[in-house]
C-alpha cells in the first residue's frame, strides 16, 4: 500500500507576526480567515487526520474543516524554553553565543528547552511509523519546525539542510511513498 502524508502548518499567530519563538497561543483573525479559505487538504481515501496538541493546531484544524483531528504528541512544537515569547532579535541581543550554538549544534539547548536534534528524531520516528503502518492517507496539522524536520528526514538530508527550508504559516508539505523512498512536494 502506498502512503501519502500531508503536513499543513498552523495558521498565523501573534508570535509568527513578530518573528518570535511561540507560546501556546491562538491563531490571529487574519490567520483564521486565511485557513478558512483553504480547501481541506484531502484527496482520495483519508484514513487519519491528526494534529499537534497546541491551541493553534486545534484552531487551524477547525478552520480548515478538519475538526475531528486527533491529537498526536509527536507533532508538538519545539519547546523553546526561556526563549518562548521573545523575538529572535531580543534573544540575539541578550544571548548571541546561545543563538550561535543553537544554529550550529543540533544538540544545543541554550534556552533550556528541546534541542533541534530531538525535534528531528521525533519527527523522523513519526514519519517512519506512517510508512511502516501502511496508514494510506494521513493529514497532519502541525508546526513549521516539525514540517521542516519531516522534510529533512524524507529527503535523507543532513541536519544542516533544516536551516535552508522555509515553510510558513499554512505552508504545506506533501509526501508520498510507494516503496523504499519518499517523494516530497512543498506548497
Protein backbone atom coordinates (compact mmCIF):
# COMPACT_ATOMS: atom_id res chain seq x y z
CA UNK A 1 0.00 0.00 0.00
CA UNK A 2 1.29 3.45 -0.79
CA UNK A 3 1.39 6.06 1.94
CA UNK A 4 0.52 9.71 1.44
CA UNK A 5 1.15 12.26 4.16
CA UNK A 6 0.17 15.92 4.02
CA UNK A 7 1.61 18.21 6.65
CA UNK A 8 -0.16 21.53 6.96
CA UNK A 9 1.40 24.18 9.18
CA UNK A 10 -0.89 26.03 11.55
CA UNK A 11 -2.23 29.49 10.67
CA UNK A 12 -0.50 32.70 11.71
CA UNK A 13 -0.32 33.71 15.37
CA UNK A 14 0.88 36.87 17.09
CA UNK A 15 4.29 35.19 17.51
CA UNK A 16 4.64 34.45 13.78
CA UNK A 17 3.77 38.07 13.04
CA UNK A 18 6.51 39.25 15.41
CA UNK A 19 9.06 36.60 14.37
CA UNK A 20 9.02 35.36 17.96
CA UNK A 21 9.55 31.95 19.46
CA UNK A 22 5.97 30.76 20.00
CA UNK A 23 3.87 30.33 23.08
CA UNK A 24 0.71 28.22 23.10
CA UNK A 25 -1.41 30.97 21.64
CA UNK A 26 -4.45 31.28 19.39
CA UNK A 27 -4.31 31.96 15.69
CA UNK A 28 -4.98 35.53 14.63
CA UNK A 29 -8.21 36.65 12.97
CA UNK A 30 -6.26 37.07 9.73
CA UNK A 31 -4.79 33.57 10.15
CA UNK A 32 -8.24 32.11 10.76
CA UNK A 33 -9.64 33.81 7.65
CA UNK A 34 -6.74 32.52 5.55
CA UNK A 35 -7.24 28.99 6.89
CA UNK A 36 -10.99 29.12 6.21
CA UNK A 37 -10.25 29.94 2.56
CA UNK A 38 -8.27 26.73 2.18
CA UNK A 39 -9.98 23.64 0.98
CA UNK A 40 -9.32 20.76 3.35
CA UNK A 41 -6.14 19.04 2.15
CA UNK A 42 -7.82 15.75 1.39
CA UNK A 43 -7.98 13.69 -1.71
CA UNK A 44 -8.54 10.04 -2.14
CA UNK A 45 -9.43 7.86 0.83
CA UNK A 46 -8.50 9.69 4.00
CA UNK A 47 -7.68 7.31 6.82
CA UNK A 48 -6.28 9.57 9.54
CA UNK A 49 -6.41 13.22 10.50
CA UNK A 50 -4.05 14.25 13.28
CA UNK A 51 -2.73 17.46 14.77
CA UNK A 52 -0.24 18.84 17.24
CA UNK A 53 -1.62 19.33 20.76
CA UNK A 54 -1.32 23.13 20.82
CA UNK A 55 -4.25 25.55 20.60
CA UNK A 56 -3.04 26.96 17.27
CA UNK A 57 -3.15 23.48 15.68
CA UNK A 58 -6.63 22.82 17.08
CA UNK A 59 -7.96 26.14 15.79
CA UNK A 60 -6.38 25.66 12.37
CA UNK A 61 -7.88 22.17 12.12
CA UNK A 62 -11.33 23.56 12.83
CA UNK A 63 -10.88 26.47 10.41
CA UNK A 64 -9.99 24.17 7.51
CA UNK A 65 -12.83 21.77 8.21
CA UNK A 66 -10.93 19.02 10.00
CA UNK A 67 -12.34 19.47 13.49
CA UNK A 68 -12.15 15.74 14.20
CA UNK A 69 -8.34 15.68 14.06
CA UNK A 70 -6.82 13.50 16.78
CA UNK A 71 -4.02 14.86 18.95
CA UNK A 72 -0.64 13.39 18.01
CA UNK A 73 2.02 14.24 20.63
CA UNK A 74 4.88 13.62 18.17
CA UNK A 75 3.65 16.60 16.13
CA UNK A 76 4.04 19.06 19.03
CA UNK A 77 6.05 22.22 18.62
CA UNK A 78 9.61 22.53 19.83
CA UNK A 79 9.90 23.58 23.46
CA UNK A 80 11.86 26.81 23.15
CA UNK A 81 12.25 27.09 26.90
CA UNK A 82 13.30 30.52 28.13
CA UNK A 83 13.14 31.92 24.57
CA UNK A 84 9.38 31.35 24.24
CA UNK A 85 7.51 34.58 23.60
CA UNK A 86 10.67 36.52 22.71
CA UNK A 87 11.73 37.60 19.23
CA UNK A 88 14.92 36.28 17.68
CA UNK A 89 16.34 39.82 17.78
CA UNK A 90 15.64 40.04 21.52
CA UNK A 91 17.28 36.70 22.18
CA UNK A 92 20.21 37.55 19.91
CA UNK A 93 20.82 40.79 21.79
CA UNK A 94 20.71 39.02 25.17
CA UNK A 95 22.49 35.77 24.26
CA UNK A 96 24.44 35.90 20.98
CA UNK A 97 26.56 32.89 21.96
CA UNK A 98 23.44 30.88 22.75
CA UNK A 99 21.88 31.69 19.39
CA UNK A 100 25.13 30.82 17.62
CA UNK A 101 25.26 27.46 19.42
CA UNK A 102 21.61 26.76 18.65
CA UNK A 103 22.18 27.43 14.94
CA UNK A 104 25.42 25.43 14.73
CA UNK A 105 24.93 22.49 17.10
CA UNK A 106 21.78 20.35 16.74
CA UNK A 107 22.12 19.06 20.33
CA UNK A 108 22.40 22.56 21.84
CA UNK A 109 19.74 23.76 24.28
CA UNK A 110 20.84 27.25 25.32
CA UNK A 111 17.17 28.04 26.00
CA UNK A 112 16.81 25.11 28.43
CA UNK A 113 14.17 23.61 26.14
CA UNK A 114 14.24 20.97 23.41
CA UNK A 115 17.14 20.55 21.02
CA UNK A 116 16.77 20.59 17.25
CA UNK A 117 18.18 17.04 17.26
CA UNK A 118 15.27 15.94 19.45
CA UNK A 119 12.71 17.54 17.12
CA UNK A 120 14.38 15.89 14.13
CA UNK A 121 14.41 12.49 15.85
CA UNK A 122 10.77 12.50 16.94
CA UNK A 123 9.61 13.86 13.57
CA UNK A 124 11.57 11.17 11.74
CA UNK A 125 10.15 8.46 14.01
CA UNK A 126 6.62 9.70 13.36
CA UNK A 127 7.12 9.70 9.58
CA UNK A 128 8.72 6.25 9.66
CA UNK A 129 5.71 4.95 11.60
CA UNK A 130 3.38 6.25 8.89
CA UNK A 131 5.30 4.21 6.31
CA UNK A 132 5.54 1.08 8.48
CA UNK A 133 1.91 1.19 9.44
CA UNK A 134 0.68 1.44 5.87
CA UNK A 135 -1.62 4.23 7.02
CA UNK A 136 -2.65 5.14 3.49
CA UNK A 137 -3.66 8.81 3.51
CA UNK A 138 -2.74 10.97 6.54
CA UNK A 139 -3.30 14.69 7.03
CA UNK A 140 -1.44 16.33 9.90
CA UNK A 141 -1.81 19.91 11.17
CA UNK A 142 1.44 20.82 12.86
CA UNK A 143 4.21 23.42 13.13
CA UNK A 144 6.75 24.77 10.69
CA UNK A 145 9.63 23.29 12.67
CA UNK A 146 8.05 19.82 12.51
CA UNK A 147 7.24 20.14 8.80
CA UNK A 148 10.84 21.14 8.09
CA UNK A 149 12.18 18.26 10.22
CA UNK A 150 9.95 15.76 8.41
CA UNK A 151 11.12 17.12 5.05
CA UNK A 152 14.78 16.72 6.04
CA UNK A 153 14.15 13.11 7.02
CA UNK A 154 12.12 12.32 3.90
CA UNK A 155 14.91 13.70 1.71
CA UNK A 156 17.57 11.89 3.75
CA UNK A 157 19.21 15.27 4.17
CA UNK A 158 21.96 16.32 6.52
CA UNK A 159 20.89 18.20 9.64
CA UNK A 160 22.16 21.47 8.18
CA UNK A 161 19.54 21.27 5.42
CA UNK A 162 16.93 22.12 8.06
CA UNK A 163 18.04 25.77 8.15
CA UNK A 164 17.61 26.08 4.35
CA UNK A 165 13.94 25.07 4.26
CA UNK A 166 11.31 27.76 4.56
CA UNK A 167 7.77 26.72 5.41
CA UNK A 168 5.49 29.42 6.78
CA UNK A 169 2.01 29.57 8.28
CA UNK A 170 -0.40 27.38 6.32
CA UNK A 171 2.56 26.01 4.38
CA UNK A 172 2.03 22.52 3.07
CA UNK A 173 4.36 19.57 2.63
CA UNK A 174 3.02 16.63 0.62
CA UNK A 175 4.82 13.31 0.86
CA UNK A 176 4.16 10.08 -0.95
CA UNK A 177 5.82 6.72 -0.59
CA UNK A 178 5.37 3.64 -2.69
CA UNK A 179 8.33 1.51 -1.88
CA UNK A 180 11.61 2.47 -0.30
CA UNK A 181 11.70 6.25 -0.60
CA UNK A 182 9.63 9.33 -0.13
CA UNK A 183 8.78 11.88 -2.79
CA UNK A 184 8.23 15.40 -1.48
CA UNK A 185 6.33 18.41 -2.71
CA UNK A 186 6.33 21.80 -0.95
CA UNK A 187 3.44 24.20 -1.49
